[in-house]
């Protein structure tokens, strides 16, 4: 299973693509959710703003959980400054 975590607009965009989404307001909130739900998801898409706040902890999770995938994606707010192909990001992360 996959989940996207981040701001309201980023999670909404991924929900439109069929993903489960979890709106989080801080890196700490995201980290707590990830730790509680490691067994429920194989891939965590995390908006870049949230991921940057918990970079060290995400790196530790990657090392301790090699079968889990943690993907940083640009938030929708950031992508307004530049073009982002979210579908391509998803395909690359999932190998499709």
Protein backbone atom coordinates (compact mmCIF):
# COMPACT_ATOMS: atom_id res chain seq x y z
CA UNK A 1 0.00 0.00 0.00
CA UNK A 2 1.00 3.59 -0.62
CA UNK A 3 0.32 6.83 1.19
CA UNK A 4 1.16 10.45 0.56
CA UNK A 5 1.80 12.81 3.43
CA UNK A 6 2.04 16.57 3.33
CA UNK A 7 0.07 19.75 3.01
CA UNK A 8 -3.61 19.86 2.08
CA UNK A 9 -3.10 20.50 -1.64
CA UNK A 10 -0.41 17.88 -2.19
CA UNK A 11 -2.44 15.19 -0.46
CA UNK A 12 -5.52 16.20 -2.44
CA UNK A 13 -3.63 15.91 -5.73
CA UNK A 14 -2.46 12.40 -4.87
CA UNK A 15 -5.93 11.42 -3.70
CA UNK A 16 -7.17 12.37 -7.17
CA UNK A 17 -4.65 9.84 -8.54
CA UNK A 18 -6.10 7.16 -6.26
CA UNK A 19 -3.68 7.32 -3.35
CA UNK A 20 -4.48 7.37 0.29
CA UNK A 21 -3.48 10.71 1.78
CA UNK A 22 -2.68 12.05 5.20
CA UNK A 23 -2.54 15.78 5.75
CA UNK A 24 0.16 16.64 8.27
CA UNK A 25 1.14 20.01 9.66
CA UNK A 26 4.68 19.28 10.80
CA UNK A 27 7.59 16.93 10.40
CA UNK A 28 7.04 15.57 13.91
CA UNK A 29 3.44 14.70 13.13
CA UNK A 30 4.52 12.92 9.94
CA UNK A 31 7.28 11.02 11.72
CA UNK A 32 4.93 9.81 14.45
CA UNK A 33 2.42 8.64 11.84
CA UNK A 34 5.08 6.84 9.81
CA UNK A 35 6.43 5.01 12.86
CA UNK A 36 2.94 3.92 13.92
CA UNK A 37 2.07 2.74 10.40
CA UNK A 38 5.26 1.14 9.08
CA UNK A 39 3.50 -2.21 8.82
CA UNK A 40 0.54 -0.77 6.92
CA UNK A 41 2.39 0.85 3.99
CA UNK A 42 5.24 -0.11 1.69
CA UNK A 43 5.73 3.31 0.11
CA UNK A 44 5.54 6.70 1.79
CA UNK A 45 5.39 9.73 -0.49
CA UNK A 46 6.30 12.75 1.64
CA UNK A 47 6.11 16.37 0.54
CA UNK A 48 9.50 18.03 0.39
CA UNK A 49 8.67 20.64 3.03
CA UNK A 50 7.80 17.90 5.55
CA UNK A 51 10.67 15.65 4.46
CA UNK A 52 13.24 18.39 4.90
CA UNK A 53 12.07 18.91 8.49
CA UNK A 54 12.75 15.25 9.33
CA UNK A 55 15.61 14.44 6.95
CA UNK A 56 17.83 12.75 9.55
CA UNK A 57 14.98 10.62 10.92
CA UNK A 58 13.90 9.61 7.38
CA UNK A 59 17.43 8.51 6.57
CA UNK A 60 17.47 6.38 9.73
CA UNK A 61 14.11 4.84 8.80
CA UNK A 62 15.45 4.00 5.32
CA UNK A 63 18.43 2.20 6.82
CA UNK A 64 16.39 0.30 9.42
CA UNK A 65 13.58 -0.60 6.99
CA UNK A 66 15.17 -1.53 3.65
CA UNK A 67 11.92 -3.00 2.30
CA UNK A 68 10.09 0.31 2.75
CA UNK A 69 10.35 3.15 0.26
CA UNK A 70 10.34 6.79 1.31
CA UNK A 71 9.94 9.20 -1.62
CA UNK A 72 10.23 12.94 -1.34
CA UNK A 73 7.92 14.78 -3.74
CA UNK A 74 7.62 18.51 -4.38
CA UNK A 75 4.60 20.02 -2.69
CA UNK A 76 1.96 21.50 -4.97
CA UNK A 77 2.86 24.94 -3.64
CA UNK A 78 6.48 24.46 -4.76
CA UNK A 79 5.47 23.06 -8.12
CA UNK A 80 3.71 26.30 -9.00
CA UNK A 81 7.19 27.78 -9.40
CA UNK A 82 8.28 25.01 -11.78
CA UNK A 83 6.63 22.22 -13.73
CA UNK A 84 6.43 18.86 -11.96
CA UNK A 85 5.19 15.65 -13.53
CA UNK A 86 3.75 13.85 -10.50
CA UNK A 87 2.68 10.82 -12.49
CA UNK A 88 6.25 10.32 -13.69
CA UNK A 89 7.53 10.62 -10.11
CA UNK A 90 5.10 7.92 -9.02
CA UNK A 91 6.05 5.64 -11.91
CA UNK A 92 9.75 6.01 -11.13
CA UNK A 93 9.22 5.27 -7.45
CA UNK A 94 7.05 2.23 -8.11
CA UNK A 95 9.02 0.92 -11.05
CA UNK A 96 6.25 1.30 -13.60
